[in-house]
Amino acid sequence: MSPFQTVTFRTARGYKFHVTCLYDITRALAMAWPDKERESYREAARLAGEAAEGWCTHRAAYDAFVTAASEQGRIVRPRKLCDRVAQELAAIEPENFNPKPAPYLARMRARSARQNLMRPHKPHI
């Protein structure tokens, strides 16, 4: 079990991974960020270094990381199930979704079957 609540981090280049421990925090801080000069980012990097050396708790480094990543829009929030279902249903195109065959096709099949029965059978030579 991870020591922190798992969050999904997205880099400035679109790469996503889960942050669950101090190692993941330091790895995420080393990746591409939109603004590495922001005060919250620098504080998170400092606390991660201190936590690795044992001068502060891992929890403090994690909280600083989540704050910095949230300010820059790097935390991916999980979508609700109803939002995902609505998106999937909206993606279905009406012409591809046909639960029942068109009635005229069934009539055409029945008519062609009757016509085949009325034709005389030709023996093959």
C-alpha atoms as a PDB file:
ATOM      1  CA  MET A   1       0.000   0.000   0.000  1.00  0.00           C
ATOM      2  CA  SER A   2       1.330   3.425  -0.887  1.00  0.00           C
ATOM      3  CA  PRO A   3       2.096   5.887   1.908  1.00  0.00           C
ATOM      4  CA  PHE A   4       0.116   8.674   0.196  1.00  0.00           C
ATOM      5  CA  GLN A   5      -3.129   8.951  -1.698  1.00  0.00           C
ATOM      6  CA  THR A   6      -2.262   8.207  -5.315  1.00  0.00           C
ATOM      7  CA  VAL A   7      -2.496  11.166  -7.687  1.00  0.00           C
ATOM      8  CA  THR A   8      -1.968  11.162 -11.430  1.00  0.00           C
ATOM      9  CA  PHE A   9       0.641  13.685 -12.556  1.00  0.00           C
ATOM     10  CA  ARG A  10       0.807  15.007 -16.133  1.00  0.00           C
ATOM     11  CA  THR A  11       4.006  16.625 -17.381  1.00  0.00           C
ATOM     12  CA  ALA A  12       4.088  19.651 -19.672  1.00  0.00           C
ATOM     13  CA  ARG A  13       4.712  17.244 -22.573  1.00  0.00           C
ATOM     14  CA  GLY A  14       1.626  15.128 -21.819  1.00  0.00           C
ATOM     15  CA  TYR A  15       3.270  12.134 -20.130  1.00  0.00           C
ATOM     16  CA  LYS A  16       1.155  10.770 -17.240  1.00  0.00           C
ATOM     17  CA  PHE A  17       2.121   8.607 -14.274  1.00  0.00           C
ATOM     18  CA  HIS A  18       0.985   7.912 -10.716  1.00  0.00           C
ATOM     19  CA  VAL A  19       2.720   9.562  -7.774  1.00  0.00           C
ATOM     20  CA  THR A  20       2.665   7.333  -4.688  1.00  0.00           C
ATOM     21  CA  CYS A  21       5.948   7.869  -2.788  1.00  0.00           C
ATOM     22  CA  LEU A  22       8.887  10.230  -2.297  1.00  0.00           C
ATOM     23  CA  TYR A  23      10.767   8.648  -5.213  1.00  0.00           C
ATOM     24  CA  ASP A  24       7.858   9.451  -7.544  1.00  0.00           C
ATOM     25  CA  ILE A  25       7.763  13.022  -6.232  1.00  0.00           C
ATOM     26  CA  THR A  26      11.442  13.607  -7.016  1.00  0.00           C
ATOM     27  CA  ARG A  27      10.999  11.989 -10.424  1.00  0.00           C
ATOM     28  CA  ALA A  28       7.993  14.222 -11.180  1.00  0.00           C
ATOM     29  CA  LEU A  29       9.835  17.341 -10.053  1.00  0.00           C
ATOM     30  CA  ALA A  30      12.670  16.530 -12.461  1.00  0.00           C
ATOM     31  CA  MET A  31      10.322  16.291 -15.458  1.00  0.00           C
ATOM     32  CA  ALA A  32       8.961  19.098 -17.650  1.00  0.00           C
ATOM     33  CA  TRP A  33       6.818  21.718 -15.875  1.00  0.00           C
ATOM     34  CA  PRO A  34       5.276  24.858 -17.341  1.00  0.00           C
ATOM     35  CA  ASP A  35       6.974  27.149 -14.786  1.00  0.00           C
ATOM     36  CA  LYS A  36       9.860  25.870 -12.685  1.00  0.00           C
ATOM     37  CA  GLU A  37      10.549  29.387 -11.341  1.00  0.00           C
ATOM     38  CA  ARG A  38       7.307  29.562  -9.358  1.00  0.00           C
ATOM     39  CA  GLU A  39       7.686  29.763  -5.576  1.00  0.00           C
ATOM     40  CA  SER A  40       5.491  26.722  -4.902  1.00  0.00           C
ATOM     41  CA  TYR A  41       7.583  24.571  -7.256  1.00  0.00           C
ATOM     42  CA  ARG A  42      10.841  25.653  -5.638  1.00  0.00           C
ATOM     43  CA  GLU A  43       9.397  24.979  -2.159  1.00  0.00           C
ATOM     44  CA  ALA A  44       8.257  21.484  -3.234  1.00  0.00           C
ATOM     45  CA  ALA A  45      11.695  20.714  -4.674  1.00  0.00           C
ATOM     46  CA  ARG A  46      13.394  21.944  -1.481  1.00  0.00           C
ATOM     47  CA  LEU A  47      11.117  19.883   0.775  1.00  0.00           C
ATOM     48  CA  ALA A  48      11.583  16.784  -1.401  1.00  0.00           C
ATOM     49  CA  GLY A  49      15.348  17.134  -1.035  1.00  0.00           C
ATOM     50  CA  GLU A  50      15.081  17.619   2.719  1.00  0.00           C
ATOM     51  CA  ALA A  51      12.748  14.616   3.031  1.00  0.00           C
ATOM     52  CA  ALA A  52      15.215  12.456   1.109  1.00  0.00           C
ATOM     53  CA  GLU A  53      17.945  13.498   3.557  1.00  0.00           C
ATOM     54  CA  GLY A  54      15.672  12.923   6.569  1.00  0.00           C
ATOM     55  CA  TRP A  55      15.280  16.567   7.641  1.00  0.00           C
ATOM     56  CA  CYS A  56      11.492  16.683   7.149  1.00  0.00           C
ATOM     57  CA  THR A  57       8.621  14.263   6.757  1.00  0.00           C
ATOM     58  CA  HIS A  58       7.636  12.692   3.479  1.00  0.00           C
ATOM     59  CA  ARG A  59       4.112  13.926   4.072  1.00  0.00           C
ATOM     60  CA  ALA A  60       5.259  17.572   4.041  1.00  0.00           C
ATOM     61  CA  ALA A  61       7.060  17.003   0.733  1.00  0.00           C
ATOM     62  CA  TYR A  62       3.982  15.280  -0.710  1.00  0.00           C
ATOM     63  CA  ASP A  63       1.658  18.118   0.346  1.00  0.00           C
ATOM     64  CA  ALA A  64       4.001  20.729  -1.124  1.00  0.00           C
ATOM     65  CA  PHE A  65       4.225  18.731  -4.374  1.00  0.00           C
ATOM     66  CA  VAL A  66       0.439  18.414  -4.691  1.00  0.00           C
ATOM     67  CA  THR A  67       0.032  22.151  -4.026  1.00  0.00           C
ATOM     68  CA  ALA A  68       2.628  23.083  -6.654  1.00  0.00           C
ATOM     69  CA  ALA A  69       1.238  20.659  -9.230  1.00  0.00           C
ATOM     70  CA  SER A  70      -2.346  21.812  -8.633  1.00  0.00           C
ATOM     71  CA  GLU A  71      -1.377  25.462  -9.092  1.00  0.00           C
ATOM     72  CA  GLN A  72       0.131  24.668 -12.471  1.00  0.00           C
ATOM     73  CA  GLY A  73      -2.670  22.312 -13.554  1.00  0.00           C
ATOM     74  CA  ARG A  74      -0.519  19.181 -13.540  1.00  0.00           C
ATOM     75  CA  ILE A  75      -2.794  16.954 -11.441  1.00  0.00           C
ATOM     76  CA  VAL A  76      -5.219  14.871 -13.497  1.00  0.00           C
ATOM     77  CA  ARG A  77      -8.566  14.679 -11.720  1.00  0.00           C
ATOM     78  CA  PRO A  78     -10.461  11.424 -12.226  1.00  0.00           C
ATOM     79  CA  ARG A  79     -13.717  11.914 -14.061  1.00  0.00           C
ATOM     80  CA  LYS A  80     -16.969  10.723 -12.591  1.00  0.00           C
ATOM     81  CA  LEU A  81     -18.460   7.541 -14.000  1.00  0.00           C
ATOM     82  CA  CYS A  82     -21.562   9.337 -15.293  1.00  0.00           C
ATOM     83  CA  ASP A  83     -19.349  11.790 -17.226  1.00  0.00           C
ATOM     84  CA  ARG A  84     -17.463   8.923 -18.867  1.00  0.00           C
ATOM     85  CA  VAL A  85     -20.692   7.097 -19.776  1.00  0.00           C
ATOM     86  CA  ALA A  86     -22.176  10.288 -21.241  1.00  0.00           C
ATOM     87  CA  GLN A  87     -19.050  10.825 -23.323  1.00  0.00           C
ATOM     88  CA  GLU A  88     -19.161   7.243 -24.639  1.00  0.00           C
ATOM     89  CA  LEU A  89     -22.852   7.556 -25.527  1.00  0.00           C
ATOM     90  CA  ALA A  90     -22.239  10.858 -27.302  1.00  0.00           C
ATOM     91  CA  ALA A  91     -19.522   9.184 -29.382  1.00  0.00           C
ATOM     92  CA  ILE A  92     -22.007   6.662 -30.834  1.00  0.00           C
ATOM     93  CA  GLU A  93     -23.148   7.931 -34.214  1.00  0.00           C
ATOM     94  CA  PRO A  94     -26.848   7.410 -34.997  1.00  0.00           C
ATOM     95  CA  GLU A  95     -26.197   5.721 -38.336  1.00  0.00           C
ATOM     96  CA  ASN A  96     -23.987   3.116 -36.639  1.00  0.00           C
ATOM     97  CA  PHE A  97     -26.506   2.344 -33.907  1.00  0.00           C
ATOM     98  CA  ASN A  98     -29.483   0.367 -35.211  1.00  0.00           C
ATOM     99  CA  PRO A  99     -30.866  -2.109 -32.664  1.00  0.00           C
ATOM    100  CA  LYS A 100     -33.633  -3.347 -34.999  1.00  0.00           C
ATOM    101  CA  PRO A 101     -33.344  -3.952 -38.736  1.00  0.00           C
ATOM    102  CA  ALA A 102     -35.382  -1.686 -40.972  1.00  0.00           C
ATOM    103  CA  PRO A 103     -38.834  -3.175 -41.693  1.00  0.00           C
ATOM    104  CA  TYR A 104     -38.497  -2.809 -45.463  1.00  0.00           C
ATOM    105  CA  LEU A 105     -35.429  -5.083 -45.468  1.00  0.00           C
ATOM    106  CA  ALA A 106     -37.386  -7.846 -43.758  1.00  0.00           C
ATOM    107  CA  ARG A 107     -40.188  -7.489 -46.310  1.00  0.00           C
ATOM    108  CA  MET A 108     -37.727  -7.672 -49.189  1.00  0.00           C
ATOM    109  CA  ARG A 109     -36.209 -10.874 -47.777  1.00  0.00           C
ATOM    110  CA  ALA A 110     -39.645 -12.460 -47.404  1.00  0.00           C
ATOM    111  CA  ARG A 111     -40.640 -11.446 -50.948  1.00  0.00           C
ATOM    112  CA  SER A 112     -37.441 -12.849 -52.468  1.00  0.00           C
ATOM    113  CA  ALA A 113     -37.916 -16.095 -50.525  1.00  0.00           C
ATOM    114  CA  ARG A 114     -41.448 -16.478 -51.922  1.00  0.00           C
ATOM    115  CA  GLN A 115     -40.250 -15.762 -55.441  1.00  0.00           C
ATOM    116  CA  ASN A 116     -37.539 -18.412 -55.095  1.00  0.00           C
ATOM    117  CA  LEU A 117     -40.162 -20.964 -54.075  1.00  0.00           C
ATOM    118  CA  MET A 118     -42.282 -20.184 -57.141  1.00  0.00           C
ATOM    119  CA  ARG A 119     -39.443 -20.641 -59.635  1.00  0.00           C
ATOM    120  CA  PRO A 120     -39.212 -24.082 -61.189  1.00  0.00           C
ATOM    121  CA  HIS A 121     -36.194 -26.066 -60.103  1.00  0.00           C
ATOM    122  CA  LYS A 122     -33.717 -26.722 -62.959  1.00  0.00           C
ATOM    123  CA  PRO A 123     -31.760 -29.937 -62.664  1.00  0.00           C
ATOM    124  CA  HIS A 124     -28.002 -29.591 -63.145  1.00  0.00           C
ATOM    125  CA  ILE A 125     -26.349 -31.626 -65.835  1.00  0.00           C
END
